[in-house]
Amino acid sequence: MYEEITQQAAAAVTGLLEAAKLERGDLLVIGCSSSEMVGLRIGKGSSLEAARAAFNGIYPITQEAGIALAVQCCEHLN
C-alpha cells in the first residue's frame, strides 16, 4: 500500500507542478490527511508510514524543480 501512496503522490505533484506552472523558488503548500490516505476518516487512522510514503513521492520532485515545500498535516505528525 505504501509504495502505491508514494507513486500516487509523485504523479499528483508532477501534474500539479505542470498545471500550476510553478517556477524555481516558488512555494508549494500541501495539506493532507494520512488517515484518508489509508482509507479512513480524517483523524481516525493517522499513519506516520503513509505520511512518509507521500513525502517520499513528493519531496524529490519539488527539490529537483527548485520548489520549496511546506506541508500542513495533523499536529501530532508535525
PDB file of N, CA and C in Angstrom:
ATOM      1  N   MET A   1       0.822  -1.194   0.000  1.00  0.00           N
ATOM      2  CA  MET A   1       0.000   0.000   0.000  1.00  0.00           C
ATOM      3  C   MET A   1       0.866   1.259   0.000  1.00  0.00           C
ATOM      4  N   TYR A   2       1.978   1.252   0.754  1.00  0.00           N
ATOM      5  CA  TYR A   2       2.766   2.471   0.884  1.00  0.00           C
ATOM      6  C   TYR A   2       3.524   2.813  -0.399  1.00  0.00           C
ATOM      7  N   GLU A   3       3.930   1.791  -1.139  1.00  0.00           N
ATOM      8  CA  GLU A   3       4.555   2.055  -2.436  1.00  0.00           C
ATOM      9  C   GLU A   3       3.553   2.712  -3.381  1.00  0.00           C
ATOM     10  N   GLU A   4       2.315   2.281  -3.300  1.00  0.00           N
ATOM     11  CA  GLU A   4       1.259   2.881  -4.127  1.00  0.00           C
ATOM     12  C   GLU A   4       1.030   4.345  -3.738  1.00  0.00           C
ATOM     13  N   ILE A   5       1.043   4.637  -2.447  1.00  0.00           N
ATOM     14  CA  ILE A   5       0.898   6.025  -1.990  1.00  0.00           C
ATOM     15  C   ILE A   5       2.036   6.872  -2.529  1.00  0.00           C
ATOM     16  N   THR A   6       3.260   6.344  -2.464  1.00  0.00           N
ATOM     17  CA  THR A   6       4.428   7.083  -2.978  1.00  0.00           C
ATOM     18  C   THR A   6       4.261   7.372  -4.466  1.00  0.00           C
ATOM     19  N   GLN A   7       3.843   6.366  -5.227  1.00  0.00           N
ATOM     20  CA  GLN A   7       3.662   6.540  -6.670  1.00  0.00           C
ATOM     21  C   GLN A   7       2.548   7.531  -6.985  1.00  0.00           C
ATOM     22  N   GLN A   8       1.441   7.437  -6.267  1.00  0.00           N
ATOM     23  CA  GLN A   8       0.329   8.353  -6.500  1.00  0.00           C
ATOM     24  C   GLN A   8       0.700   9.781  -6.128  1.00  0.00           C
ATOM     25  N   ALA A   9       1.428   9.948  -5.033  1.00  0.00           N
ATOM     26  CA  ALA A   9       1.852  11.285  -4.621  1.00  0.00           C
ATOM     27  C   ALA A   9       2.789  11.892  -5.651  1.00  0.00           C
ATOM     28  N   ALA A  10       3.709  11.089  -6.168  1.00  0.00           N
ATOM     29  CA  ALA A  10       4.645  11.574  -7.191  1.00  0.00           C
ATOM     30  C   ALA A  10       3.895  11.994  -8.452  1.00  0.00           C
ATOM     31  N   ALA A  11       2.950  11.184  -8.873  1.00  0.00           N
ATOM     32  CA  ALA A  11       2.173  11.516 -10.070  1.00  0.00           C
ATOM     33  C   ALA A  11       1.346  12.781  -9.850  1.00  0.00           C
ATOM     34  N   ALA A  12       0.751  12.894  -8.677  1.00  0.00           N
ATOM     35  CA  ALA A  12      -0.082  14.065  -8.383  1.00  0.00           C
ATOM     36  C   ALA A  12       0.738  15.344  -8.364  1.00  0.00           C
ATOM     37  N   VAL A  13       1.890  15.313  -7.700  1.00  0.00           N
ATOM     38  CA  VAL A  13       2.689  16.543  -7.611  1.00  0.00           C
ATOM     39  C   VAL A  13       3.307  16.882  -8.963  1.00  0.00           C
ATOM     40  N   THR A  14       3.647  15.896  -9.755  1.00  0.00           N
ATOM     41  CA  THR A  14       4.169  16.161 -11.100  1.00  0.00           C
ATOM     42  C   THR A  14       3.108  16.877 -11.934  1.00  0.00           C
ATOM     43  N   GLY A  15       1.890  16.364 -11.899  1.00  0.00           N
ATOM     44  CA  GLY A  15       0.799  17.004 -12.632  1.00  0.00           C
ATOM     45  C   GLY A  15       0.492  18.395 -12.114  1.00  0.00           C
ATOM     46  N   LEU A  16       0.534  18.547 -10.805  1.00  0.00           N
ATOM     47  CA  LEU A  16       0.262  19.858 -10.203  1.00  0.00           C
ATOM     48  C   LEU A  16       1.317  20.882 -10.602  1.00  0.00           C
ATOM     49  N   LEU A  17       2.576  20.495 -10.554  1.00  0.00           N
ATOM     50  CA  LEU A  17       3.635  21.436 -10.937  1.00  0.00           C
ATOM     51  C   LEU A  17       3.498  21.867 -12.390  1.00  0.00           C
ATOM     52  N   GLU A  18       3.121  20.939 -13.254  1.00  0.00           N
ATOM     53  CA  GLU A  18       2.922  21.274 -14.666  1.00  0.00           C
ATOM     54  C   GLU A  18       1.728  22.205 -14.849  1.00  0.00           C
ATOM     55  N   ALA A  19       0.623  21.898 -14.205  1.00  0.00           N
ATOM     56  CA  ALA A  19      -0.598  22.695 -14.354  1.00  0.00           C
ATOM     57  C   ALA A  19      -0.456  24.085 -13.739  1.00  0.00           C
ATOM     58  N   ALA A  20       0.208  24.158 -12.588  1.00  0.00           N
ATOM     59  CA  ALA A  20       0.333  25.434 -11.880  1.00  0.00           C
ATOM     60  C   ALA A  20       1.435  26.318 -12.453  1.00  0.00           C
ATOM     61  N   LYS A  21       2.290  25.725 -13.280  1.00  0.00           N
ATOM     62  CA  LYS A  21       3.411  26.462 -13.890  1.00  0.00           C
ATOM     63  C   LYS A  21       4.283  27.140 -12.824  1.00  0.00           C
ATOM     64  N   LEU A  22       4.520  26.385 -11.737  1.00  0.00           N
ATOM     65  CA  LEU A  22       5.388  26.916 -10.692  1.00  0.00           C
ATOM     66  C   LEU A  22       6.811  27.032 -11.216  1.00  0.00           C
ATOM     67  N   GLU A  23       7.522  28.001 -10.701  1.00  0.00           N
ATOM     68  CA  GLU A  23       8.895  28.254 -11.134  1.00  0.00           C
ATOM     69  C   GLU A  23       9.844  28.055  -9.979  1.00  0.00           C
ATOM     70  N   ARG A  24      11.104  27.833 -10.305  1.00  0.00           N
ATOM     71  CA  ARG A  24      12.148  27.678  -9.300  1.00  0.00           C
ATOM     72  C   ARG A  24      12.044  28.831  -8.296  1.00  0.00           C
ATOM     73  N   GLY A  25      12.047  28.471  -7.001  1.00  0.00           N
ATOM     74  CA  GLY A  25      11.941  29.479  -5.954  1.00  0.00           C
ATOM     75  C   GLY A  25      10.532  29.677  -5.426  1.00  0.00           C
ATOM     76  N   ASP A  26       9.520  29.144  -6.140  1.00  0.00           N
ATOM     77  CA  ASP A  26       8.145  29.236  -5.658  1.00  0.00           C
ATOM     78  C   ASP A  26       7.937  28.287  -4.479  1.00  0.00           C
ATOM     79  N   LEU A  27       6.831  28.473  -3.787  1.00  0.00           N
ATOM     80  CA  LEU A  27       6.474  27.652  -2.631  1.00  0.00           C
ATOM     81  C   LEU A  27       5.230  26.838  -2.943  1.00  0.00           C
ATOM     82  N   LEU A  28       5.286  25.555  -2.667  1.00  0.00           N
ATOM     83  CA  LEU A  28       4.134  24.676  -2.807  1.00  0.00           C
ATOM     84  C   LEU A  28       3.708  24.251  -1.406  1.00  0.00           C
ATOM     85  N   VAL A  29       2.451  24.523  -1.052  1.00  0.00           N
ATOM     86  CA  VAL A  29       1.915  24.130   0.239  1.00  0.00           C
ATOM     87  C   VAL A  29       0.946  22.970   0.019  1.00  0.00           C
ATOM     88  N   ILE A  30       1.169  21.892   0.734  1.00  0.00           N
ATOM     89  CA  ILE A  30       0.327  20.707   0.609  1.00  0.00           C
ATOM     90  C   ILE A  30      -0.333  20.436   1.953  1.00  0.00           C
ATOM     91  N   GLY A  31      -1.639  20.237   1.929  1.00  0.00           N
ATOM     92  CA  GLY A  31      -2.388  19.816   3.111  1.00  0.00           C
ATOM     93  C   GLY A  31      -2.844  18.391   2.884  1.00  0.00           C
ATOM     94  N   CYS A  32      -2.736  17.568   3.897  1.00  0.00           N
ATOM     95  CA  CYS A  32      -3.070  16.170   3.684  1.00  0.00           C
ATOM     96  C   CYS A  32      -3.618  15.525   4.956  1.00  0.00           C
ATOM     97  N   SER A  33      -4.176  14.352   4.790  1.00  0.00           N
ATOM     98  CA  SER A  33      -4.654  13.538   5.900  1.00  0.00           C
ATOM     99  C   SER A  33      -4.138  12.125   5.696  1.00  0.00           C
ATOM    100  N   SER A  34      -3.239  11.698   6.570  1.00  0.00           N
ATOM    101  CA  SER A  34      -2.731  10.332   6.439  1.00  0.00           C
ATOM    102  C   SER A  34      -3.849   9.321   6.687  1.00  0.00           C
ATOM    103  N   SER A  35      -4.828   9.677   7.488  1.00  0.00           N
ATOM    104  CA  SER A  35      -5.983   8.791   7.708  1.00  0.00           C
ATOM    105  C   SER A  35      -6.699   8.515   6.391  1.00  0.00           C
ATOM    106  N   GLU A  36      -6.931   9.576   5.623  1.00  0.00           N
ATOM    107  CA  GLU A  36      -7.615   9.402   4.336  1.00  0.00           C
ATOM    108  C   GLU A  36      -6.755   8.614   3.355  1.00  0.00           C
ATOM    109  N   MET A  37      -5.440   8.765   3.435  1.00  0.00           N
ATOM    110  CA  MET A  37      -4.556   8.018   2.536  1.00  0.00           C
ATOM    111  C   MET A  37      -4.675   6.514   2.733  1.00  0.00           C
ATOM    112  N   VAL A  38      -5.020   6.093   3.956  1.00  0.00           N
ATOM    113  CA  VAL A  38      -5.154   4.666   4.223  1.00  0.00           C
ATOM    114  C   VAL A  38      -6.619   4.228   4.236  1.00  0.00           C
ATOM    115  N   GLY A  39      -7.515   5.103   3.754  1.00  0.00           N
ATOM    116  CA  GLY A  39      -8.908   4.744   3.565  1.00  0.00           C
ATOM    117  C   GLY A  39      -9.823   4.961   4.754  1.00  0.00           C
ATOM    118  N   LEU A  40      -9.384   5.766   5.724  1.00  0.00           N
ATOM    119  CA  LEU A  40     -10.202   6.038   6.902  1.00  0.00           C
ATOM    120  C   LEU A  40     -10.611   7.498   6.943  1.00  0.00           C
ATOM    121  N   ARG A  41     -11.494   7.840   7.870  1.00  0.00           N
ATOM    122  CA  ARG A  41     -11.930   9.233   8.033  1.00  0.00           C
ATOM    123  C   ARG A  41     -10.810  10.056   8.658  1.00  0.00           C
ATOM    124  N   ILE A  42     -10.816  11.349   8.368  1.00  0.00           N
ATOM    125  CA  ILE A  42      -9.821  12.255   8.941  1.00  0.00           C
ATOM    126  C   ILE A  42      -9.782  12.076  10.450  1.00  0.00           C
ATOM    127  N   GLY A  43      -8.561  11.901  10.965  1.00  0.00           N
ATOM    128  CA  GLY A  43      -8.359  11.783  12.397  1.00  0.00           C
ATOM    129  C   GLY A  43      -8.651  10.416  12.985  1.00  0.00           C
ATOM    130  N   LYS A  44      -9.029   9.461  12.160  1.00  0.00           N
ATOM    131  CA  LYS A  44      -9.409   8.144  12.675  1.00  0.00           C
ATOM    132  C   LYS A  44      -8.374   7.059  12.401  1.00  0.00           C
ATOM    133  N   GLY A  45      -7.257   7.390  11.774  1.00  0.00           N
ATOM    134  CA  GLY A  45      -6.264   6.359  11.473  1.00  0.00           C
ATOM    135  C   GLY A  45      -4.942   6.949  11.053  1.00  0.00           C
ATOM    136  N   SER A  46      -4.484   7.949  11.788  1.00  0.00           N
ATOM    137  CA  SER A  46      -3.232   8.619  11.432  1.00  0.00           C
ATOM    138  C   SER A  46      -2.111   7.608  11.247  1.00  0.00           C
ATOM    139  N   SER A  47      -1.307   7.827  10.226  1.00  0.00           N
ATOM    140  CA  SER A  47      -0.267   6.870   9.877  1.00  0.00           C
ATOM    141  C   SER A  47       1.015   7.599   9.493  1.00  0.00           C
ATOM    142  N   LEU A  48       2.018   7.466  10.327  1.00  0.00           N
ATOM    143  CA  LEU A  48       3.316   8.048  10.015  1.00  0.00           C
ATOM    144  C   LEU A  48       3.904   7.393   8.766  1.00  0.00           C
ATOM    145  N   GLU A  49       3.645   6.108   8.592  1.00  0.00           N
ATOM    146  CA  GLU A  49       4.148   5.401   7.407  1.00  0.00           C
ATOM    147  C   GLU A  49       3.526   5.956   6.125  1.00  0.00           C
ATOM    148  N   ALA A  50       2.230   6.242   6.155  1.00  0.00           N
ATOM    149  CA  ALA A  50       1.578   6.819   4.977  1.00  0.00           C
ATOM    150  C   ALA A  50       2.111   8.217   4.707  1.00  0.00           C
ATOM    151  N   ALA A  51       2.325   8.998   5.768  1.00  0.00           N
ATOM    152  CA  ALA A  51       2.881  10.340   5.601  1.00  0.00           C
ATOM    153  C   ALA A  51       4.273  10.266   4.980  1.00  0.00           C
ATOM    154  N   ARG A  52       5.089   9.350   5.461  1.00  0.00           N
ATOM    155  CA  ARG A  52       6.439   9.173   4.892  1.00  0.00           C
ATOM    156  C   ARG A  52       6.369   8.749   3.428  1.00  0.00           C
ATOM    157  N   ALA A  53       5.438   7.857   3.117  1.00  0.00           N
ATOM    158  CA  ALA A  53       5.296   7.387   1.745  1.00  0.00           C
ATOM    159  C   ALA A  53       4.940   8.550   0.813  1.00  0.00           C
ATOM    160  N   ALA A  54       4.005   9.396   1.234  1.00  0.00           N
ATOM    161  CA  ALA A  54       3.629  10.549   0.416  1.00  0.00           C
ATOM    162  C   ALA A  54       4.803  11.509   0.281  1.00  0.00           C
ATOM    163  N   PHE A  55       5.473  11.784   1.388  1.00  0.00           N
ATOM    164  CA  PHE A  55       6.630  12.684   1.361  1.00  0.00           C
ATOM    165  C   PHE A  55       7.700  12.157   0.414  1.00  0.00           C
ATOM    166  N   ASN A  56       7.942  10.850   0.462  1.00  0.00           N
ATOM    167  CA  ASN A  56       8.964  10.248  -0.403  1.00  0.00           C
ATOM    168  C   ASN A  56       8.619  10.361  -1.884  1.00  0.00           C
ATOM    169  N   GLY A  57       7.339  10.485  -2.191  1.00  0.00           N
ATOM    170  CA  GLY A  57       6.937  10.688  -3.578  1.00  0.00           C
ATOM    171  C   GLY A  57       6.994  12.138  -4.008  1.00  0.00           C
ATOM    172  N   ILE A  58       6.795  13.039  -3.058  1.00  0.00           N
ATOM    173  CA  ILE A  58       6.675  14.467  -3.368  1.00  0.00           C
ATOM    174  C   ILE A  58       8.007  15.217  -3.283  1.00  0.00           C
ATOM    175  N   TYR A  59       8.741  15.024  -2.201  1.00  0.00           N
ATOM    176  CA  TYR A  59       9.918  15.846  -1.913  1.00  0.00           C
ATOM    177  C   TYR A  59      10.989  15.804  -3.006  1.00  0.00           C
ATOM    178  N   PRO A  60      11.369  14.642  -3.516  1.00  0.00           N
ATOM    179  CA  PRO A  60      12.418  14.646  -4.558  1.00  0.00           C
ATOM    180  C   PRO A  60      12.027  15.437  -5.798  1.00  0.00           C
ATOM    181  N   ILE A  61      10.763  15.407  -6.137  1.00  0.00           N
ATOM    182  CA  ILE A  61      10.296  16.120  -7.334  1.00  0.00           C
ATOM    183  C   ILE A  61      10.345  17.627  -7.109  1.00  0.00           C
ATOM    184  N   THR A  62       9.899  18.073  -5.932  1.00  0.00           N
ATOM    185  CA  THR A  62       9.947  19.512  -5.659  1.00  0.00           C
ATOM    186  C   THR A  62      11.392  19.998  -5.544  1.00  0.00           C
ATOM    187  N   GLN A  63      12.257  19.186  -4.968  1.00  0.00           N
ATOM    188  CA  GLN A  63      13.663  19.577  -4.839  1.00  0.00           C
ATOM    189  C   GLN A  63      14.322  19.713  -6.210  1.00  0.00           C
ATOM    190  N   GLU A  64      14.066  18.749  -7.069  1.00  0.00           N
ATOM    191  CA  GLU A  64      14.638  18.792  -8.420  1.00  0.00           C
ATOM    192  C   GLU A  64      14.145  20.018  -9.189  1.00  0.00           C
ATOM    193  N   ALA A  65      12.899  20.408  -8.949  1.00  0.00           N
ATOM    194  CA  ALA A  65      12.317  21.561  -9.639  1.00  0.00           C
ATOM    195  C   ALA A  65      12.688  22.888  -8.980  1.00  0.00           C
ATOM    196  N   GLY A  66      13.338  22.821  -7.797  1.00  0.00           N
ATOM    197  CA  GLY A  66      13.699  24.051  -7.096  1.00  0.00           C
ATOM    198  C   GLY A  66      12.511  24.711  -6.418  1.00  0.00           C
ATOM    199  N   ILE A  67      11.486  23.921  -6.117  1.00  0.00           N
ATOM    200  CA  ILE A  67      10.274  24.424  -5.478  1.00  0.00           C
ATOM    201  C   ILE A  67      10.365  24.132  -3.979  1.00  0.00           C
ATOM    202  N   ALA A  68      10.145  25.153  -3.156  1.00  0.00           N
ATOM    203  CA  ALA A  68      10.131  24.947  -1.711  1.00  0.00           C
ATOM    204  C   ALA A  68       8.839  24.241  -1.330  1.00  0.00           C
ATOM    205  N   LEU A  69       8.920  23.350  -0.354  1.00  0.00           N
ATOM    206  CA  LEU A  69       7.765  22.557   0.042  1.00  0.00           C
ATOM    207  C   LEU A  69       7.395  22.853   1.489  1.00  0.00           C
ATOM    208  N   ALA A  70       6.115  23.134   1.717  1.00  0.00           N
ATOM    209  CA  ALA A  70       5.565  23.271   3.067  1.00  0.00           C
ATOM    210  C   ALA A  70       4.405  22.294   3.163  1.00  0.00           C
ATOM    211  N   VAL A  71       4.359  21.534   4.265  1.00  0.00           N
ATOM    212  CA  VAL A  71       3.328  20.521   4.423  1.00  0.00           C
ATOM    213  C   VAL A  71       2.549  20.793   5.698  1.00  0.00           C
ATOM    214  N   GLN A  72       1.237  20.841   5.566  1.00  0.00           N
ATOM    215  CA  GLN A  72       0.349  21.013   6.712  1.00  0.00           C
ATOM    216  C   GLN A  72      -0.347  19.689   6.927  1.00  0.00           C
ATOM    217  N   CYS A  73      -0.213  19.174   8.117  1.00  0.00           N
ATOM    218  CA  CYS A  73      -0.909  17.925   8.440  1.00  0.00           C
ATOM    219  C   CYS A  73      -1.304  17.941   9.905  1.00  0.00           C
ATOM    220  N   CYS A  74      -1.744  16.825  10.418  1.00  0.00           N
ATOM    221  CA  CYS A  74      -2.175  16.730  11.811  1.00  0.00           C
ATOM    222  C   CYS A  74      -1.065  17.169  12.743  1.00  0.00           C
ATOM    223  N   GLU A  75      -1.446  17.873  13.803  1.00  0.00           N
ATOM    224  CA  GLU A  75      -0.452  18.436  14.717  1.00  0.00           C
ATOM    225  C   GLU A  75       0.466  17.380  15.327  1.00  0.00           C
ATOM    226  N   HIS A  76      -0.010  16.165  15.525  1.00  0.00           N
ATOM    227  CA  HIS A  76       0.844  15.151  16.131  1.00  0.00           C
ATOM    228  C   HIS A  76       1.840  14.567  15.140  1.00  0.00           C
ATOM    229  N   LEU A  77       1.665  14.809  13.848  1.00  0.00           N
ATOM    230  CA  LEU A  77       2.641  14.375  12.857  1.00  0.00           C
ATOM    231  C   LEU A  77       3.632  15.474  12.519  1.00  0.00           C
ATOM    232  N   ASN A  78       3.262  16.716  12.792  1.00  0.00           N
ATOM    233  CA  ASN A  78       4.189  17.811  12.544  1.00  0.00           C
ATOM    234  C   ASN A  78       5.308  17.698  13.535  1.00  0.00           C
TER     235      ASN A  78
END
